[in-house]
Amino acid sequence: MNMPRPARILLVEDNSGDEFLVRDAFERGRARHQLEVVRDGEAALDRLRGLGEHSEKQAPDLILLDLNLPKIDGRDVLKSVKSDKALASIPVLVLTTSSAQSDVTGCYSLHANAYLTKPFDALGYEEIVEAVENFWFATAVLPSQNPAPH
């Protein structure tokens, strides 16, 4: 892997079953990582902006973002992240159940870095994680992130 330290991944996911499958897939994967989970859009933005309990946390290297979230919808989280100079360079991979072309187009128009449809089983999650590891952590060069962005 290209990263000299564990990759910091922020998973924004309200479904505990999907969280388990993503977490398990990363544990089976090759990349060293630190997976942090927040359960709603408001918590995601607080985490990314370094607010409250998150003030000392470093920015993630990658965000896995569900679209259908409580409090603040994933589309609004994506729009906020990509319009904030301090956060815009963090890759955001949308990971959602929707395969609707309007969602795909809408997310790319908001500058999502990738759009992935949630698989139906653990093997599918392992395949997605392997692809993420191979591209984002072994092939792509990610911007270096400083401690908490704000």
C-alpha atoms as a PDB file:
ATOM      1  CA  MET A   1       0.000   0.000   0.000  1.00  0.00           C
ATOM      2  CA  ASN A   2       1.152   3.540  -0.742  1.00  0.00           C
ATOM      3  CA  MET A   3       0.134   4.946   2.635  1.00  0.00           C
ATOM      4  CA  PRO A   4       2.862   5.063   5.312  1.00  0.00           C
ATOM      5  CA  ARG A   5       0.209   4.945   8.049  1.00  0.00           C
ATOM      6  CA  PRO A   6      -3.225   3.385   8.378  1.00  0.00           C
ATOM      7  CA  ALA A   7      -5.802   4.966   6.072  1.00  0.00           C
ATOM      8  CA  ARG A   8      -8.371   7.035   7.961  1.00  0.00           C
ATOM      9  CA  ILE A   9     -11.824   6.169   6.647  1.00  0.00           C
ATOM     10  CA  LEU A  10     -15.030   7.873   7.742  1.00  0.00           C
ATOM     11  CA  LEU A  11     -18.106   5.721   7.163  1.00  0.00           C
ATOM     12  CA  VAL A  12     -21.337   7.699   7.277  1.00  0.00           C
ATOM     13  CA  GLU A  13     -23.948   4.968   7.684  1.00  0.00           C
ATOM     14  CA  ASP A  14     -27.098   4.691   9.781  1.00  0.00           C
ATOM     15  CA  ASN A  15     -27.763   1.001   9.118  1.00  0.00           C
ATOM     16  CA  SER A  16     -25.905  -1.193  11.625  1.00  0.00           C
ATOM     17  CA  GLY A  17     -26.106  -4.223   9.309  1.00  0.00           C
ATOM     18  CA  ASP A  18     -24.402  -2.335   6.482  1.00  0.00           C
ATOM     19  CA  GLU A  19     -21.857  -0.960   8.948  1.00  0.00           C
ATOM     20  CA  PHE A  20     -21.035  -4.503  10.052  1.00  0.00           C
ATOM     21  CA  LEU A  21     -20.567  -5.672   6.450  1.00  0.00           C
ATOM     22  CA  VAL A  22     -18.292  -2.728   5.587  1.00  0.00           C
ATOM     23  CA  ARG A  23     -16.290  -3.108   8.796  1.00  0.00           C
ATOM     24  CA  ASP A  24     -15.922  -6.866   8.259  1.00  0.00           C
ATOM     25  CA  ALA A  25     -14.843  -6.375   4.641  1.00  0.00           C
ATOM     26  CA  PHE A  26     -12.143  -3.879   5.670  1.00  0.00           C
ATOM     27  CA  GLU A  27     -10.946  -6.249   8.418  1.00  0.00           C
ATOM     28  CA  ARG A  28     -10.535  -8.954   5.760  1.00  0.00           C
ATOM     29  CA  GLY A  29      -8.845  -6.523   3.380  1.00  0.00           C
ATOM     30  CA  ARG A  30      -5.154  -5.807   2.930  1.00  0.00           C
ATOM     31  CA  ALA A  31      -4.963  -2.104   3.741  1.00  0.00           C
ATOM     32  CA  ARG A  32      -4.101  -0.902   7.213  1.00  0.00           C
ATOM     33  CA  HIS A  33      -6.976   1.337   8.211  1.00  0.00           C
ATOM     34  CA  GLN A  34      -8.807   3.149  10.952  1.00  0.00           C
ATOM     35  CA  LEU A  35     -12.535   3.003  10.331  1.00  0.00           C
ATOM     36  CA  GLU A  36     -14.662   5.558  12.138  1.00  0.00           C
ATOM     37  CA  VAL A  37     -18.455   5.483  11.893  1.00  0.00           C
ATOM     38  CA  VAL A  38     -20.987   8.264  12.314  1.00  0.00           C
ATOM     39  CA  ARG A  39     -24.702   7.547  12.051  1.00  0.00           C
ATOM     40  CA  ASP A  40     -26.241  10.674  10.541  1.00  0.00           C
ATOM     41  CA  GLY A  41     -25.450  13.624   8.310  1.00  0.00           C
ATOM     42  CA  GLU A  42     -25.263  16.136  11.121  1.00  0.00           C
ATOM     43  CA  ALA A  43     -22.703  14.019  12.993  1.00  0.00           C
ATOM     44  CA  ALA A  44     -20.729  13.618   9.749  1.00  0.00           C
ATOM     45  CA  LEU A  45     -20.462  17.373   9.243  1.00  0.00           C
ATOM     46  CA  ASP A  46     -19.574  17.937  12.912  1.00  0.00           C
ATOM     47  CA  ARG A  47     -16.844  15.299  12.612  1.00  0.00           C
ATOM     48  CA  LEU A  48     -15.470  16.722   9.383  1.00  0.00           C
ATOM     49  CA  ARG A  49     -15.487  20.291  10.688  1.00  0.00           C
ATOM     50  CA  GLY A  50     -13.768  19.250  13.913  1.00  0.00           C
ATOM     51  CA  LEU A  51     -16.602  20.421  16.149  1.00  0.00           C
ATOM     52  CA  GLY A  52     -17.143  19.413  19.766  1.00  0.00           C
ATOM     53  CA  GLU A  53     -15.720  16.006  20.653  1.00  0.00           C
ATOM     54  CA  HIS A  54     -14.050  15.852  17.229  1.00  0.00           C
ATOM     55  CA  SER A  55     -11.819  18.901  17.708  1.00  0.00           C
ATOM     56  CA  GLU A  56      -8.597  16.892  18.032  1.00  0.00           C
ATOM     57  CA  LYS A  57      -9.290  14.348  15.289  1.00  0.00           C
ATOM     58  CA  GLN A  58      -7.433  14.379  12.002  1.00  0.00           C
ATOM     59  CA  ALA A  59      -9.358  14.643   8.764  1.00  0.00           C
ATOM     60  CA  PRO A  60     -10.169  11.322   7.111  1.00  0.00           C
ATOM     61  CA  ASP A  61      -8.384  10.214   3.954  1.00  0.00           C
ATOM     62  CA  LEU A  62     -11.639   8.945   2.463  1.00  0.00           C
ATOM     63  CA  ILE A  63     -15.354   9.251   3.156  1.00  0.00           C
ATOM     64  CA  LEU A  64     -17.846   6.446   2.456  1.00  0.00           C
ATOM     65  CA  LEU A  65     -21.215   8.186   2.406  1.00  0.00           C
ATOM     66  CA  ASP A  66     -24.708   6.727   2.419  1.00  0.00           C
ATOM     67  CA  LEU A  67     -27.361   8.947   0.839  1.00  0.00           C
ATOM     68  CA  ASN A  68     -30.410   8.236   2.975  1.00  0.00           C
ATOM     69  CA  LEU A  69     -29.406   9.514   6.387  1.00  0.00           C
ATOM     70  CA  PRO A  70     -31.251  10.965   9.363  1.00  0.00           C
ATOM     71  CA  LYS A  71     -30.966  14.655  10.305  1.00  0.00           C
ATOM     72  CA  ILE A  72     -29.043  15.800   7.205  1.00  0.00           C
ATOM     73  CA  ASP A  73     -29.413  13.850   3.966  1.00  0.00           C
ATOM     74  CA  GLY A  74     -26.276  12.415   2.361  1.00  0.00           C
ATOM     75  CA  ARG A  75     -26.732  14.622  -0.708  1.00  0.00           C
ATOM     76  CA  ASP A  76     -26.583  17.697   1.512  1.00  0.00           C
ATOM     77  CA  VAL A  77     -23.511  16.309   3.296  1.00  0.00           C
ATOM     78  CA  LEU A  78     -21.831  15.787  -0.081  1.00  0.00           C
ATOM     79  CA  LYS A  79     -22.734  19.310  -1.186  1.00  0.00           C
ATOM     80  CA  SER A  80     -21.383  20.784   2.071  1.00  0.00           C
ATOM     81  CA  VAL A  81     -18.135  18.809   1.920  1.00  0.00           C
ATOM     82  CA  LYS A  82     -17.397  19.641  -1.697  1.00  0.00           C
ATOM     83  CA  SER A  83     -18.212  23.343  -1.260  1.00  0.00           C
ATOM     84  CA  ASP A  84     -15.945  23.724   1.799  1.00  0.00           C
ATOM     85  CA  LYS A  85     -12.348  24.578   0.827  1.00  0.00           C
ATOM     86  CA  ALA A  86     -10.966  22.790   3.880  1.00  0.00           C
ATOM     87  CA  LEU A  87     -12.821  19.563   3.064  1.00  0.00           C
ATOM     88  CA  ALA A  88     -13.266  19.522  -0.719  1.00  0.00           C
ATOM     89  CA  SER A  89     -10.100  17.551  -1.451  1.00  0.00           C
ATOM     90  CA  ILE A  90     -11.216  14.550   0.639  1.00  0.00           C
ATOM     91  CA  PRO A  91     -12.498  11.849  -1.722  1.00  0.00           C
ATOM     92  CA  VAL A  92     -16.156  11.056  -1.149  1.00  0.00           C
ATOM     93  CA  LEU A  93     -17.399   7.679  -2.319  1.00  0.00           C
ATOM     94  CA  VAL A  94     -21.170   7.423  -2.231  1.00  0.00           C
ATOM     95  CA  LEU A  95     -22.169   3.935  -1.046  1.00  0.00           C
ATOM     96  CA  THR A  96     -25.920   3.553  -1.210  1.00  0.00           C
ATOM     97  CA  THR A  97     -28.770   1.226  -2.098  1.00  0.00           C
ATOM     98  CA  SER A  98     -30.079   3.477  -4.870  1.00  0.00           C
ATOM     99  CA  SER A  99     -29.160   2.688  -8.445  1.00  0.00           C
ATOM    100  CA  ALA A 100     -31.471   5.405  -9.790  1.00  0.00           C
ATOM    101  CA  GLN A 101     -29.804   7.330 -12.591  1.00  0.00           C
ATOM    102  CA  SER A 102     -31.054  10.597 -11.088  1.00  0.00           C
ATOM    103  CA  ASP A 103     -29.134   9.832  -7.864  1.00  0.00           C
ATOM    104  CA  VAL A 104     -26.001   8.828  -9.785  1.00  0.00           C
ATOM    105  CA  THR A 105     -26.105  11.975 -11.940  1.00  0.00           C
ATOM    106  CA  GLY A 106     -27.002  14.177  -8.985  1.00  0.00           C
ATOM    107  CA  CYS A 107     -24.105  12.916  -6.869  1.00  0.00           C
ATOM    108  CA  TYR A 108     -21.578  13.347  -9.652  1.00  0.00           C
ATOM    109  CA  SER A 109     -22.896  16.856 -10.274  1.00  0.00           C
ATOM    110  CA  LEU A 110     -22.156  17.533  -6.586  1.00  0.00           C
ATOM    111  CA  HIS A 111     -18.583  16.284  -7.218  1.00  0.00           C
ATOM    112  CA  ALA A 112     -18.742  12.806  -5.683  1.00  0.00           C
ATOM    113  CA  ASN A 113     -15.517  10.973  -6.481  1.00  0.00           C
ATOM    114  CA  ALA A 114     -17.329   7.669  -7.058  1.00  0.00           C
ATOM    115  CA  TYR A 115     -20.813   6.210  -6.831  1.00  0.00           C
ATOM    116  CA  LEU A 116     -21.123   2.643  -5.584  1.00  0.00           C
ATOM    117  CA  THR A 117     -24.303   0.622  -5.152  1.00  0.00           C
ATOM    118  CA  LYS A 118     -24.449  -1.452  -1.987  1.00  0.00           C
ATOM    119  CA  PRO A 119     -24.143  -5.151  -2.713  1.00  0.00           C
ATOM    120  CA  PHE A 120     -26.509  -7.779  -1.366  1.00  0.00           C
ATOM    121  CA  ASP A 121     -24.007  -9.943   0.485  1.00  0.00           C
ATOM    122  CA  ALA A 122     -20.696 -10.016   2.343  1.00  0.00           C
ATOM    123  CA  LEU A 123     -18.774 -11.137  -0.747  1.00  0.00           C
ATOM    124  CA  GLY A 124     -20.015  -8.070  -2.622  1.00  0.00           C
ATOM    125  CA  TYR A 125     -18.785  -5.803   0.176  1.00  0.00           C
ATOM    126  CA  GLU A 126     -15.401  -7.551   0.114  1.00  0.00           C
ATOM    127  CA  GLU A 127     -15.168  -6.890  -3.640  1.00  0.00           C
ATOM    128  CA  ILE A 128     -15.984  -3.204  -3.154  1.00  0.00           C
ATOM    129  CA  VAL A 129     -13.440  -2.861  -0.333  1.00  0.00           C
ATOM    130  CA  GLU A 130     -10.792  -4.603  -2.430  1.00  0.00           C
ATOM    131  CA  ALA A 131     -11.458  -2.169  -5.289  1.00  0.00           C
ATOM    132  CA  VAL A 132     -11.328   0.813  -2.896  1.00  0.00           C
ATOM    133  CA  GLU A 133      -8.073  -0.428  -1.388  1.00  0.00           C
ATOM    134  CA  ASN A 134      -6.493  -1.130  -4.772  1.00  0.00           C
ATOM    135  CA  PHE A 135      -7.424   2.217  -6.271  1.00  0.00           C
ATOM    136  CA  TRP A 136      -7.612   4.753  -3.433  1.00  0.00           C
ATOM    137  CA  PHE A 137      -4.871   3.363  -1.180  1.00  0.00           C
ATOM    138  CA  ALA A 138      -2.476   1.687  -3.625  1.00  0.00           C
ATOM    139  CA  THR A 139      -2.830   3.483  -6.968  1.00  0.00           C
ATOM    140  CA  ALA A 140      -4.161   7.001  -6.403  1.00  0.00           C
ATOM    141  CA  VAL A 141      -2.131   9.660  -4.652  1.00  0.00           C
ATOM    142  CA  LEU A 142      -4.236  11.297  -1.965  1.00  0.00           C
ATOM    143  CA  PRO A 143      -3.682  14.807  -0.652  1.00  0.00           C
ATOM    144  CA  SER A 144      -1.965  14.911   2.706  1.00  0.00           C
ATOM    145  CA  GLN A 145      -4.408  15.909   5.396  1.00  0.00           C
ATOM    146  CA  ASN A 146      -3.535  18.056   8.355  1.00  0.00           C
ATOM    147  CA  PRO A 147      -5.113  17.677  11.783  1.00  0.00           C
ATOM    148  CA  ALA A 148      -8.723  18.784  12.214  1.00  0.00           C
ATOM    149  CA  PRO A 149      -9.646  20.970   9.248  1.00  0.00           C
ATOM    150  CA  HIS A 150     -11.134  23.894  11.184  1.00  0.00           C
END
